Amino acid sequence: MLYNLINLLDWIYKKKCYFCKSSKEAVRMCSSCYDTLEYLPVRVNRIIDGKKVYCAGVYSKNLQKLIRGLKYHNQRDLAFYLAKFMAEYFEKITDKNNFEVVPVPIYPKREKKRKYNHMNLVGEEFCRLTSNELNKNLIQRIKDTKPQYKLKRPERMLNLSNAFKVNKENYKGKTILLIDDICTTGSTFEEMIKELQKNGINDIICFAATTPFEE
């Protein structure tokens, strides 16, 4: 009933597409704009510490605007569209649904200021679409790191050193699927993999929505 009420209010107030401003479909991303999102070929993008990393698309055009709107401009409704983009790519890799989906966490102070972790929102939608299990409590960010995009690789690794803590009691024994919005050098995934392995968790796959590099 609540869902129908939200749809009715969206229709009455003509919610506009965040990208083209059209109100024809009364959604935050119309089908025409969604169809402009481009996938990378379905293959392993890179290997980090022996773990496969997949990247669904290139961080540019509407995909870049989608992530920036969700991450920095409080456009929480966009989480569904990023999750859908990731889910449609991931189903070409596997049809299994036995993953423990772990979104990259942000530092609590930063999450409090932003009022949400955008990857938690994406994780919720991704799990709903793929029937996997979300685990937001396995890994904590315990270090307030600098923005990674400003740093070179050696600086990224130093910045992320000891940034994460694994709460092994929250591990449910499934294959871990780490998810993030952007994978540039892979240093965030690398540090999380190290912490998981320190805790005896080795069955890990990494999946980012985008990479800055078209490969």
N, C-alpha and C. Protein backbone atom coordinates (compact mmCIF):
# COMPACT_ATOMS: atom_id res chain seq x y z
N MET A 1 0.83 -1.21 0.00
CA MET A 1 0.00 0.00 0.00
C MET A 1 0.87 1.26 0.00
N LEU A 2 1.93 1.26 0.84
CA LEU A 2 2.84 2.40 0.88
C LEU A 2 3.52 2.60 -0.47
N TYR A 3 3.93 1.46 -1.11
CA TYR A 3 4.59 1.53 -2.41
C TYR A 3 3.66 2.17 -3.44
N ASN A 4 2.37 1.78 -3.41
CA ASN A 4 1.39 2.34 -4.35
C ASN A 4 1.18 3.83 -4.10
N LEU A 5 1.20 4.22 -2.80
CA LEU A 5 1.04 5.63 -2.46
C LEU A 5 2.22 6.45 -2.99
N ILE A 6 3.44 5.90 -2.83
CA ILE A 6 4.64 6.60 -3.34
C ILE A 6 4.56 6.76 -4.85
N ASN A 7 4.14 5.69 -5.54
CA ASN A 7 4.00 5.77 -6.99
C ASN A 7 2.96 6.80 -7.40
N LEU A 8 1.86 6.88 -6.64
CA LEU A 8 0.81 7.85 -6.93
C LEU A 8 1.33 9.27 -6.74
N LEU A 9 2.07 9.51 -5.64
CA LEU A 9 2.63 10.84 -5.38
C LEU A 9 3.66 11.21 -6.45
N ASP A 10 4.46 10.21 -6.88
CA ASP A 10 5.43 10.46 -7.95
C ASP A 10 4.71 10.89 -9.22
N TRP A 11 3.58 10.23 -9.51
CA TRP A 11 2.83 10.55 -10.71
C TRP A 11 2.20 11.94 -10.59
N ILE A 12 1.62 12.25 -9.43
CA ILE A 12 0.96 13.55 -9.23
C ILE A 12 1.96 14.69 -9.35
N TYR A 13 3.12 14.52 -8.70
CA TYR A 13 4.10 15.60 -8.69
C TYR A 13 5.12 15.47 -9.82
N LYS A 14 4.91 14.49 -10.69
CA LYS A 14 5.73 14.32 -11.88
C LYS A 14 7.23 14.35 -11.56
N LYS A 15 7.67 13.33 -10.87
CA LYS A 15 9.10 13.21 -10.59
C LYS A 15 9.87 13.23 -11.90
N LYS A 16 10.92 14.04 -11.96
CA LYS A 16 11.69 14.21 -13.19
C LYS A 16 12.93 13.34 -13.21
N CYS A 17 13.32 12.94 -14.40
CA CYS A 17 14.55 12.20 -14.58
C CYS A 17 15.72 13.11 -14.20
N TYR A 18 16.59 12.61 -13.37
CA TYR A 18 17.75 13.37 -12.89
C TYR A 18 18.71 13.72 -14.03
N PHE A 19 18.61 13.00 -15.12
CA PHE A 19 19.57 13.13 -16.21
C PHE A 19 19.06 14.01 -17.36
N CYS A 20 17.87 13.75 -17.85
CA CYS A 20 17.35 14.52 -18.99
C CYS A 20 16.22 15.47 -18.60
N LYS A 21 15.78 15.38 -17.35
CA LYS A 21 14.72 16.24 -16.78
C LYS A 21 13.33 15.92 -17.32
N SER A 22 13.19 14.85 -18.05
CA SER A 22 11.87 14.46 -18.56
C SER A 22 11.00 13.96 -17.42
N SER A 23 9.71 14.27 -17.47
CA SER A 23 8.79 13.79 -16.44
C SER A 23 7.80 12.77 -17.02
N LYS A 24 8.06 12.29 -18.22
CA LYS A 24 7.14 11.35 -18.88
C LYS A 24 6.92 10.08 -18.08
N GLU A 25 7.99 9.54 -17.52
CA GLU A 25 7.89 8.29 -16.79
C GLU A 25 7.78 8.49 -15.28
N ALA A 26 7.93 9.72 -14.82
CA ALA A 26 7.85 10.06 -13.39
C ALA A 26 8.81 9.22 -12.55
N VAL A 27 10.05 9.08 -13.03
CA VAL A 27 11.08 8.33 -12.31
C VAL A 27 12.37 9.15 -12.28
N ARG A 28 13.31 8.75 -11.43
CA ARG A 28 14.56 9.50 -11.30
C ARG A 28 15.57 9.16 -12.38
N MET A 29 15.37 8.05 -13.09
CA MET A 29 16.17 7.74 -14.27
C MET A 29 15.27 7.06 -15.28
N CYS A 30 14.98 7.77 -16.34
CA CYS A 30 14.05 7.25 -17.33
C CYS A 30 14.72 6.12 -18.13
N SER A 31 13.93 5.33 -18.80
CA SER A 31 14.44 4.18 -19.53
C SER A 31 15.41 4.59 -20.63
N SER A 32 15.17 5.74 -21.26
CA SER A 32 16.07 6.20 -22.33
C SER A 32 17.45 6.52 -21.78
N CYS A 33 17.52 7.18 -20.63
CA CYS A 33 18.81 7.51 -20.02
C CYS A 33 19.50 6.27 -19.47
N TYR A 34 18.70 5.35 -18.90
CA TYR A 34 19.29 4.12 -18.39
C TYR A 34 19.93 3.33 -19.53
N ASP A 35 19.28 3.34 -20.69
CA ASP A 35 19.78 2.58 -21.83
C ASP A 35 21.07 3.15 -22.41
N THR A 36 21.46 4.36 -21.99
CA THR A 36 22.73 4.93 -22.47
C THR A 36 23.92 4.38 -21.69
N LEU A 37 23.67 3.73 -20.54
CA LEU A 37 24.76 3.19 -19.73
C LEU A 37 25.44 2.05 -20.48
N GLU A 38 26.75 2.12 -20.56
CA GLU A 38 27.50 1.14 -21.36
C GLU A 38 28.27 0.17 -20.47
N TYR A 39 28.16 -1.10 -20.80
CA TYR A 39 28.87 -2.14 -20.07
C TYR A 39 30.24 -2.41 -20.68
N LEU A 40 31.17 -2.79 -19.83
CA LEU A 40 32.43 -3.33 -20.29
C LEU A 40 32.21 -4.80 -20.68
N PRO A 41 33.12 -5.37 -21.46
CA PRO A 41 33.01 -6.82 -21.75
C PRO A 41 33.01 -7.62 -20.46
N VAL A 42 32.29 -8.71 -20.46
CA VAL A 42 32.19 -9.55 -19.26
C VAL A 42 33.44 -10.41 -19.16
N ARG A 43 34.36 -9.97 -18.33
CA ARG A 43 35.60 -10.71 -18.08
C ARG A 43 36.24 -10.16 -16.81
N VAL A 44 37.22 -10.89 -16.31
CA VAL A 44 37.95 -10.43 -15.13
C VAL A 44 38.71 -9.17 -15.50
N ASN A 45 38.50 -8.10 -14.73
CA ASN A 45 39.15 -6.82 -15.03
C ASN A 45 40.59 -6.79 -14.55
N ARG A 46 40.82 -7.43 -13.41
CA ARG A 46 42.16 -7.53 -12.84
C ARG A 46 42.17 -8.57 -11.72
N ILE A 47 43.37 -8.92 -11.28
CA ILE A 47 43.53 -9.85 -10.17
C ILE A 47 44.26 -9.11 -9.05
N ILE A 48 43.70 -9.16 -7.84
CA ILE A 48 44.34 -8.53 -6.68
C ILE A 48 44.54 -9.60 -5.61
N ASP A 49 45.78 -9.83 -5.26
CA ASP A 49 46.11 -10.87 -4.26
C ASP A 49 45.44 -12.20 -4.58
N GLY A 50 45.41 -12.52 -5.86
CA GLY A 50 44.82 -13.79 -6.28
C GLY A 50 43.31 -13.80 -6.38
N LYS A 51 42.67 -12.65 -6.10
CA LYS A 51 41.20 -12.57 -6.12
C LYS A 51 40.72 -11.84 -7.39
N LYS A 52 39.66 -12.36 -7.99
CA LYS A 52 39.13 -11.77 -9.22
C LYS A 52 38.40 -10.45 -8.93
N VAL A 53 38.62 -9.48 -9.80
CA VAL A 53 37.93 -8.19 -9.71
C VAL A 53 37.19 -7.96 -11.02
N TYR A 54 35.89 -7.72 -10.92
CA TYR A 54 35.07 -7.40 -12.08
C TYR A 54 34.64 -5.94 -12.00
N CYS A 55 34.58 -5.26 -13.15
CA CYS A 55 34.09 -3.89 -13.23
C CYS A 55 33.04 -3.84 -14.32
N ALA A 56 31.86 -3.33 -14.00
CA ALA A 56 30.73 -3.40 -14.92
C ALA A 56 30.79 -2.38 -16.04
N GLY A 57 31.29 -1.16 -15.76
CA GLY A 57 31.29 -0.11 -16.78
C GLY A 57 32.40 0.89 -16.56
N VAL A 58 32.44 1.88 -17.44
CA VAL A 58 33.48 2.92 -17.37
C VAL A 58 32.90 4.16 -16.69
N TYR A 59 33.68 4.75 -15.79
CA TYR A 59 33.26 5.92 -15.03
C TYR A 59 33.25 7.16 -15.93
N SER A 60 32.16 7.31 -16.69
CA SER A 60 32.04 8.46 -17.60
C SER A 60 30.56 8.68 -17.93
N LYS A 61 30.28 9.83 -18.49
CA LYS A 61 28.95 10.18 -19.00
C LYS A 61 27.88 9.98 -17.91
N ASN A 62 26.74 9.36 -18.29
CA ASN A 62 25.62 9.23 -17.35
C ASN A 62 25.94 8.30 -16.18
N LEU A 63 26.87 7.36 -16.39
CA LEU A 63 27.25 6.47 -15.29
C LEU A 63 28.01 7.25 -14.21
N GLN A 64 28.84 8.18 -14.65
CA GLN A 64 29.55 9.05 -13.71
C GLN A 64 28.56 9.95 -12.97
N LYS A 65 27.61 10.51 -13.72
CA LYS A 65 26.61 11.39 -13.10
C LYS A 65 25.73 10.62 -12.12
N LEU A 66 25.44 9.38 -12.45
CA LEU A 66 24.64 8.52 -11.57
C LEU A 66 25.35 8.32 -10.23
N ILE A 67 26.63 7.99 -10.28
CA ILE A 67 27.39 7.75 -9.05
C ILE A 67 27.56 9.03 -8.25
N ARG A 68 27.88 10.11 -8.91
CA ARG A 68 28.09 11.38 -8.20
C ARG A 68 26.80 11.89 -7.58
N GLY A 69 25.69 11.73 -8.28
CA GLY A 69 24.40 12.14 -7.72
C GLY A 69 24.04 11.36 -6.48
N LEU A 70 24.27 10.05 -6.55
CA LEU A 70 23.98 9.17 -5.42
C LEU A 70 24.92 9.43 -4.25
N LYS A 71 26.20 9.62 -4.56
CA LYS A 71 27.23 9.70 -3.53
C LYS A 71 27.31 11.06 -2.85
N TYR A 72 27.17 12.12 -3.63
CA TYR A 72 27.44 13.46 -3.11
C TYR A 72 26.22 14.39 -3.04
N HIS A 73 25.15 14.08 -3.76
CA HIS A 73 24.04 15.02 -3.87
C HIS A 73 22.72 14.48 -3.33
N ASN A 74 22.82 13.49 -2.45
CA ASN A 74 21.65 13.00 -1.71
C ASN A 74 20.55 12.44 -2.62
N GLN A 75 20.93 11.95 -3.79
CA GLN A 75 19.96 11.37 -4.72
C GLN A 75 19.85 9.87 -4.43
N ARG A 76 19.27 9.54 -3.30
CA ARG A 76 19.26 8.16 -2.83
C ARG A 76 18.46 7.23 -3.73
N ASP A 77 17.48 7.77 -4.43
CA ASP A 77 16.68 6.94 -5.34
C ASP A 77 17.54 6.33 -6.44
N LEU A 78 18.69 6.94 -6.71
CA LEU A 78 19.55 6.45 -7.78
C LEU A 78 20.24 5.14 -7.41
N ALA A 79 20.21 4.76 -6.14
CA ALA A 79 20.83 3.50 -5.72
C ALA A 79 20.24 2.32 -6.47
N PHE A 80 18.94 2.36 -6.72
CA PHE A 80 18.28 1.27 -7.43
C PHE A 80 18.87 1.09 -8.83
N TYR A 81 19.12 2.20 -9.52
CA TYR A 81 19.58 2.12 -10.91
C TYR A 81 21.03 1.64 -10.99
N LEU A 82 21.85 2.04 -10.03
CA LEU A 82 23.22 1.55 -10.01
C LEU A 82 23.24 0.06 -9.66
N ALA A 83 22.40 -0.34 -8.73
CA ALA A 83 22.30 -1.75 -8.37
C ALA A 83 21.79 -2.58 -9.54
N LYS A 84 20.83 -2.05 -10.27
CA LYS A 84 20.29 -2.75 -11.44
C LYS A 84 21.37 -2.93 -12.50
N PHE A 85 22.15 -1.87 -12.73
CA PHE A 85 23.25 -1.92 -13.69
C PHE A 85 24.25 -3.01 -13.29
N MET A 86 24.60 -3.05 -12.01
CA MET A 86 25.54 -4.04 -11.51
C MET A 86 24.94 -5.45 -11.58
N ALA A 87 23.68 -5.59 -11.22
CA ALA A 87 23.03 -6.91 -11.21
C ALA A 87 22.94 -7.49 -12.61
N GLU A 88 22.63 -6.65 -13.59
CA GLU A 88 22.50 -7.13 -14.96
C GLU A 88 23.85 -7.60 -15.50
N TYR A 89 24.92 -6.95 -15.08
CA TYR A 89 26.26 -7.39 -15.47
C TYR A 89 26.61 -8.69 -14.73
N PHE A 90 26.34 -8.71 -13.44
CA PHE A 90 26.77 -9.84 -12.62
C PHE A 90 26.06 -11.13 -13.00
N GLU A 91 24.82 -11.04 -13.46
CA GLU A 91 24.10 -12.26 -13.82
C GLU A 91 24.69 -12.92 -15.07
N LYS A 92 25.52 -12.17 -15.81
CA LYS A 92 26.22 -12.75 -16.96
C LYS A 92 27.47 -13.50 -16.52
N ILE A 93 27.93 -13.23 -15.29
CA ILE A 93 29.08 -13.94 -14.73
C ILE A 93 28.63 -15.24 -14.08
N THR A 94 27.55 -15.16 -13.32
CA THR A 94 27.05 -16.34 -12.60
C THR A 94 25.56 -16.19 -12.31
N ASP A 95 24.90 -17.34 -12.23
CA ASP A 95 23.49 -17.33 -11.83
C ASP A 95 23.33 -17.81 -10.39
N LYS A 96 24.44 -17.94 -9.69
CA LYS A 96 24.38 -18.37 -8.30
C LYS A 96 23.94 -17.22 -7.39
N ASN A 97 23.31 -17.56 -6.28
CA ASN A 97 22.87 -16.53 -5.33
C ASN A 97 23.29 -16.90 -3.91
N ASN A 98 24.51 -17.43 -3.82
CA ASN A 98 25.01 -17.84 -2.51
C ASN A 98 26.15 -16.94 -2.04
N PHE A 99 26.04 -15.65 -2.36
CA PHE A 99 27.08 -14.70 -1.98
C PHE A 99 26.68 -13.91 -0.74
N GLU A 100 27.68 -13.53 0.01
CA GLU A 100 27.54 -12.64 1.15
C GLU A 100 28.03 -11.27 0.66
N VAL A 101 27.13 -10.38 0.35
CA VAL A 101 27.48 -9.10 -0.28
C VAL A 101 27.91 -8.10 0.79
N VAL A 102 29.15 -7.62 0.65
CA VAL A 102 29.73 -6.71 1.64
C VAL A 102 30.08 -5.38 0.97
N PRO A 103 29.29 -4.33 1.20
CA PRO A 103 29.61 -3.01 0.63
C PRO A 103 30.84 -2.42 1.31
N VAL A 104 31.64 -1.68 0.56
CA VAL A 104 32.79 -0.98 1.17
C VAL A 104 32.25 0.02 2.19
N PRO A 105 32.69 -0.07 3.44
CA PRO A 105 32.18 0.85 4.47
C PRO A 105 32.86 2.22 4.41
N ILE A 106 32.22 3.22 4.96
CA ILE A 106 32.84 4.53 5.12
C ILE A 106 33.00 4.80 6.62
N TYR A 107 33.84 5.75 6.94
CA TYR A 107 34.12 6.06 8.34
C TYR A 107 32.85 6.60 9.01
N PRO A 108 32.53 6.16 10.23
CA PRO A 108 31.27 6.55 10.89
C PRO A 108 31.01 8.06 10.92
N LYS A 109 32.06 8.84 11.17
CA LYS A 109 31.90 10.30 11.23
C LYS A 109 31.45 10.84 9.87
N ARG A 110 32.02 10.29 8.81
CA ARG A 110 31.66 10.72 7.47
C ARG A 110 30.25 10.27 7.11
N GLU A 111 29.90 9.04 7.54
CA GLU A 111 28.56 8.54 7.27
C GLU A 111 27.51 9.35 8.03
N LYS A 112 27.83 9.75 9.23
CA LYS A 112 26.91 10.58 10.02
C LYS A 112 26.69 11.93 9.35
N LYS A 113 27.75 12.50 8.81
CA LYS A 113 27.65 13.80 8.14
C LYS A 113 26.83 13.68 6.86
N ARG A 114 27.08 12.60 6.11
CA ARG A 114 26.38 12.40 4.84
C ARG A 114 24.98 11.85 5.06
N LYS A 115 24.78 11.22 6.24
CA LYS A 115 23.51 10.61 6.65
C LYS A 115 23.25 9.25 6.01
N TYR A 116 24.15 8.74 5.21
CA TYR A 116 24.00 7.41 4.63
C TYR A 116 25.31 6.98 3.98
N ASN A 117 25.46 5.67 3.81
CA ASN A 117 26.54 5.12 3.00
C ASN A 117 25.91 4.67 1.69
N HIS A 118 26.26 5.32 0.61
CA HIS A 118 25.60 5.04 -0.67
C HIS A 118 25.75 3.59 -1.10
N MET A 119 26.89 2.95 -0.75
CA MET A 119 27.08 1.56 -1.15
C MET A 119 26.22 0.60 -0.33
N ASN A 120 25.84 0.99 0.88
CA ASN A 120 24.87 0.18 1.62
C ASN A 120 23.52 0.18 0.91
N LEU A 121 23.13 1.35 0.40
CA LEU A 121 21.87 1.45 -0.34
C LEU A 121 21.92 0.61 -1.60
N VAL A 122 23.05 0.69 -2.31
CA VAL A 122 23.22 -0.11 -3.52
C VAL A 122 23.20 -1.60 -3.17
N GLY A 123 23.88 -1.95 -2.08
CA GLY A 123 23.91 -3.35 -1.65
C GLY A 123 22.52 -3.90 -1.35
N GLU A 124 21.69 -3.11 -0.71
CA GLU A 124 20.33 -3.53 -0.40
C GLU A 124 19.55 -3.83 -1.67
N GLU A 125 19.65 -2.93 -2.64
CA GLU A 125 18.94 -3.10 -3.90
C GLU A 125 19.52 -4.27 -4.70
N PHE A 126 20.85 -4.38 -4.71
CA PHE A 126 21.52 -5.45 -5.44
C PHE A 126 21.09 -6.81 -4.91
N CYS A 127 21.03 -6.94 -3.59
CA CYS A 127 20.63 -8.20 -2.98
C CYS A 127 19.17 -8.52 -3.25
N ARG A 128 18.34 -7.48 -3.27
CA ARG A 128 16.92 -7.69 -3.59
C ARG A 128 16.76 -8.19 -5.02
N LEU A 129 17.58 -7.65 -5.93
CA LEU A 129 17.48 -8.03 -7.33
C LEU A 129 18.10 -9.40 -7.62
N THR A 130 19.11 -9.79 -6.86
CA THR A 130 19.85 -11.02 -7.15
C THR A 130 19.59 -12.13 -6.15
N SER A 131 18.82 -11.85 -5.11
CA SER A 131 18.52 -12.84 -4.06
C SER A 131 19.75 -13.30 -3.29
N ASN A 132 20.75 -12.42 -3.18
CA ASN A 132 21.91 -12.69 -2.34
C ASN A 132 21.69 -12.08 -0.96
N GLU A 133 22.62 -12.35 -0.05
CA GLU A 133 22.49 -11.89 1.34
C GLU A 133 23.42 -10.71 1.61
N LEU A 134 22.88 -9.65 2.16
CA LEU A 134 23.67 -8.46 2.48
C LEU A 134 24.29 -8.61 3.87
N ASN A 135 25.57 -8.24 3.97
CA ASN A 135 26.23 -8.25 5.28
C ASN A 135 26.98 -6.93 5.45
N LYS A 136 26.35 -5.99 6.16
CA LYS A 136 26.94 -4.67 6.39
C LYS A 136 27.78 -4.63 7.66
N ASN A 137 27.80 -5.74 8.39
CA ASN A 137 28.45 -5.74 9.70
C ASN A 137 29.75 -6.53 9.75
N LEU A 138 30.18 -7.08 8.62
CA LEU A 138 31.39 -7.89 8.62
C LEU A 138 32.64 -7.02 8.71
N ILE A 139 32.64 -5.90 8.01
CA ILE A 139 33.84 -5.05 7.95
C ILE A 139 33.49 -3.63 8.37
N GLN A 140 34.31 -3.06 9.25
CA GLN A 140 34.16 -1.66 9.67
C GLN A 140 35.32 -0.84 9.12
N ARG A 141 35.07 0.43 8.88
CA ARG A 141 36.15 1.35 8.56
C ARG A 141 36.52 2.06 9.87
N ILE A 142 37.74 1.87 10.32
CA ILE A 142 38.14 2.40 11.64
C ILE A 142 39.15 3.54 11.50
N LYS A 143 39.41 3.97 10.27
CA LYS A 143 40.35 5.06 10.04
C LYS A 143 39.72 6.05 9.07
N ASP A 144 39.77 7.32 9.43
CA ASP A 144 39.19 8.37 8.58
C ASP A 144 40.21 8.73 7.49
N THR A 145 40.12 8.04 6.38
CA THR A 145 41.10 8.20 5.31
C THR A 145 40.81 9.42 4.45
N LYS A 146 41.84 9.89 3.75
CA LYS A 146 41.68 11.00 2.80
C LYS A 146 41.00 10.46 1.54
N PRO A 147 40.36 11.34 0.74
CA PRO A 147 39.79 10.90 -0.55
C PRO A 147 40.88 10.27 -1.42
N GLN A 148 40.61 9.10 -1.93
CA GLN A 148 41.61 8.34 -2.67
C GLN A 148 41.98 8.97 -4.02
N TYR A 149 41.01 9.65 -4.66
CA TYR A 149 41.27 10.15 -6.01
C TYR A 149 42.37 11.21 -6.06
N LYS A 150 42.72 11.79 -4.91
CA LYS A 150 43.76 12.82 -4.87
C LYS A 150 45.16 12.22 -4.72
N LEU A 151 45.23 10.90 -4.54
CA LEU A 151 46.50 10.27 -4.17
C LEU A 151 47.03 9.34 -5.25
N LYS A 152 48.36 9.20 -5.29
CA LYS A 152 49.00 8.22 -6.15
C LYS A 152 48.98 6.87 -5.45
N ARG A 153 49.27 5.80 -6.21
CA ARG A 153 49.11 4.44 -5.64
C ARG A 153 49.85 4.24 -4.33
N PRO A 154 51.15 4.59 -4.20
CA PRO A 154 51.82 4.37 -2.91
C PRO A 154 51.15 5.13 -1.77
N GLU A 155 50.66 6.34 -2.09
CA GLU A 155 49.97 7.15 -1.08
C GLU A 155 48.62 6.52 -0.73
N ARG A 156 47.96 5.91 -1.72
CA ARG A 156 46.67 5.24 -1.47
C ARG A 156 46.85 4.09 -0.49
N MET A 157 47.89 3.30 -0.72
CA MET A 157 48.12 2.15 0.15
C MET A 157 48.43 2.58 1.58
N LEU A 158 49.24 3.64 1.73
CA LEU A 158 49.56 4.16 3.06
C LEU A 158 48.31 4.74 3.72
N ASN A 159 47.51 5.43 2.93
CA ASN A 159 46.27 6.04 3.41
C ASN A 159 45.31 4.98 3.94
N LEU A 160 45.26 3.83 3.27
CA LEU A 160 44.31 2.78 3.64
C LEU A 160 44.87 1.76 4.64
N SER A 161 46.16 1.89 4.95
CA SER A 161 46.77 0.93 5.88
C SER A 161 46.04 0.94 7.23
N ASN A 162 45.63 -0.25 7.68
CA ASN A 162 44.91 -0.40 8.95
C ASN A 162 43.60 0.39 9.01
N ALA A 163 42.98 0.58 7.83
CA ALA A 163 41.73 1.35 7.78
C ALA A 163 40.50 0.51 8.08
N PHE A 164 40.64 -0.83 7.98
CA PHE A 164 39.48 -1.70 8.13
C PHE A 164 39.66 -2.71 9.27
N LYS A 165 38.55 -3.08 9.84
CA LYS A 165 38.53 -4.11 10.89
C LYS A 165 37.45 -5.13 10.53
N VAL A 166 37.82 -6.40 10.60
CA VAL A 166 36.88 -7.49 10.30
C VAL A 166 36.28 -8.02 11.60
N ASN A 167 34.96 -8.09 11.64
CA ASN A 167 34.24 -8.67 12.78
C ASN A 167 33.85 -10.10 12.39
N LYS A 168 34.77 -11.02 12.63
CA LYS A 168 34.60 -12.39 12.11
C LYS A 168 33.36 -13.07 12.65
N GLU A 169 32.89 -12.65 13.81
CA GLU A 169 31.69 -13.27 14.38
C GLU A 169 30.46 -13.02 13.50
N ASN A 170 30.56 -12.04 12.60
CA ASN A 170 29.44 -11.74 11.70
C ASN A 170 29.55 -12.44 10.35
N TYR A 171 30.62 -13.24 10.18
CA TYR A 171 30.80 -13.97 8.92
C TYR A 171 29.85 -15.17 8.90
N LYS A 172 29.15 -15.36 7.77
CA LYS A 172 28.13 -16.40 7.68
C LYS A 172 28.56 -17.59 6.83
N GLY A 173 29.84 -17.59 6.42
CA GLY A 173 30.39 -18.77 5.76
C GLY A 173 30.20 -18.84 4.26
N LYS A 174 29.64 -17.81 3.65
CA LYS A 174 29.43 -17.82 2.20
C LYS A 174 30.60 -17.16 1.48
N THR A 175 30.59 -17.25 0.15
CA THR A 175 31.56 -16.52 -0.66
C THR A 175 31.33 -15.03 -0.47
N ILE A 176 32.39 -14.28 -0.16
CA ILE A 176 32.28 -12.84 0.04
C ILE A 176 32.31 -12.13 -1.31
N LEU A 177 31.35 -11.26 -1.53
CA LEU A 177 31.34 -10.39 -2.72
C LEU A 177 31.49 -8.96 -2.23
N LEU A 178 32.70 -8.42 -2.33
CA LEU A 178 32.95 -7.03 -1.96
C LEU A 178 32.47 -6.13 -3.10
N ILE A 179 31.68 -5.11 -2.78
CA ILE A 179 31.19 -4.22 -3.84
C ILE A 179 31.56 -2.76 -3.53
N ASP A 180 31.87 -2.04 -4.61
CA ASP A 180 32.22 -0.62 -4.49
C ASP A 180 31.74 0.08 -5.75
N ASP A 181 31.77 1.41 -5.72
CA ASP A 181 31.31 2.16 -6.89
C ASP A 181 32.40 2.26 -7.97
N ILE A 182 33.65 2.56 -7.55
CA ILE A 182 34.74 2.77 -8.51
C ILE A 182 35.97 1.96 -8.08
N CYS A 183 36.59 1.31 -9.03
CA CYS A 183 37.87 0.64 -8.77
C CYS A 183 38.93 1.28 -9.66
N THR A 184 39.83 2.04 -9.05
CA THR A 184 40.87 2.73 -9.82
C THR A 184 42.15 1.89 -9.79
N THR A 185 42.89 1.94 -8.71
CA THR A 185 44.08 1.10 -8.58
C THR A 185 43.76 -0.22 -7.89
N GLY A 186 42.60 -0.30 -7.26
CA GLY A 186 42.23 -1.51 -6.53
C GLY A 186 42.74 -1.54 -5.10
N SER A 187 43.28 -0.43 -4.63
CA SER A 187 43.89 -0.40 -3.30
C SER A 187 42.87 -0.61 -2.17
N THR A 188 41.64 -0.14 -2.35
CA THR A 188 40.62 -0.36 -1.32
C THR A 188 40.29 -1.84 -1.21
N PHE A 189 40.03 -2.47 -2.35
CA PHE A 189 39.78 -3.91 -2.34
C PHE A 189 40.98 -4.67 -1.76
N GLU A 190 42.18 -4.25 -2.14
CA GLU A 190 43.38 -4.94 -1.69
C GLU A 190 43.50 -4.93 -0.16
N GLU A 191 43.24 -3.79 0.44
CA GLU A 191 43.35 -3.68 1.90
C GLU A 191 42.26 -4.50 2.60
N MET A 192 41.06 -4.51 2.01
CA MET A 192 39.98 -5.30 2.60
C MET A 192 40.27 -6.79 2.48
N ILE A 193 40.82 -7.21 1.34
CA ILE A 193 41.18 -8.61 1.15
C ILE A 193 42.20 -9.04 2.20
N LYS A 194 43.21 -8.20 2.43
CA LYS A 194 44.24 -8.51 3.43
C LYS A 194 43.63 -8.73 4.81
N GLU A 195 42.71 -7.86 5.19
CA GLU A 195 42.10 -7.97 6.51
C GLU A 195 41.22 -9.22 6.62
N LEU A 196 40.52 -9.54 5.55
CA LEU A 196 39.70 -10.75 5.56
C LEU A 196 40.59 -11.99 5.67
N GLN A 197 41.68 -12.00 4.92
CA GLN A 197 42.59 -13.15 4.96
C GLN A 197 43.25 -13.32 6.32
N LYS A 198 43.53 -12.20 6.99
CA LYS A 198 44.09 -12.28 8.34
C LYS A 198 43.14 -13.01 9.29
N ASN A 199 41.85 -12.95 8.94
CA ASN A 199 40.83 -13.59 9.76
C ASN A 199 40.39 -14.94 9.19
N GLY A 200 41.20 -15.49 8.29
CA GLY A 200 40.93 -16.82 7.76
C GLY A 200 39.82 -16.88 6.73
N ILE A 201 39.44 -15.72 6.16
CA ILE A 201 38.39 -15.68 5.14
C ILE A 201 39.06 -15.46 3.78
N ASN A 202 38.98 -16.48 2.92
CA ASN A 202 39.72 -16.44 1.67
C ASN A 202 38.85 -16.55 0.42
N ASP A 203 37.60 -16.93 0.59
CA ASP A 203 36.70 -17.09 -0.56
C ASP A 203 36.08 -15.74 -0.89
N ILE A 204 36.76 -14.98 -1.76
CA ILE A 204 36.42 -13.56 -1.98
C ILE A 204 36.40 -13.23 -3.47
N ILE A 205 35.40 -12.47 -3.89
CA ILE A 205 35.33 -11.88 -5.23
C ILE A 205 35.07 -10.39 -5.04
N CYS A 206 35.66 -9.56 -5.91
CA CYS A 206 35.46 -8.11 -5.83
C CYS A 206 34.69 -7.64 -7.07
N PHE A 207 33.79 -6.69 -6.85
CA PHE A 207 32.93 -6.21 -7.94
C PHE A 207 32.69 -4.72 -7.79
N ALA A 208 33.15 -3.95 -8.77
CA ALA A 208 32.92 -2.51 -8.78
C ALA A 208 31.96 -2.13 -9.91
N ALA A 209 31.17 -1.12 -9.66
CA ALA A 209 30.25 -0.65 -10.71
C ALA A 209 31.03 -0.09 -11.89
N THR A 210 32.15 0.61 -11.60
CA THR A 210 32.89 1.25 -12.67
C THR A 210 34.40 1.23 -12.44
N THR A 211 35.12 1.53 -13.50
CA THR A 211 36.55 1.80 -13.45
C THR A 211 36.80 3.01 -14.35
N PRO A 212 37.79 3.85 -14.04
CA PRO A 212 38.09 4.99 -14.91
C PRO A 212 38.72 4.58 -16.23
N PHE A 213 39.14 3.32 -16.32
CA PHE A 213 39.92 2.87 -17.48
C PHE A 213 39.12 1.94 -18.36
N GLU A 214 38.98 2.29 -19.61
CA GLU A 214 38.29 1.43 -20.58
C GLU A 214 39.29 0.38 -21.06
N GLU A 215 39.02 -0.86 -20.75
CA GLU A 215 39.97 -1.93 -21.06
C GLU A 215 39.34 -2.95 -22.00
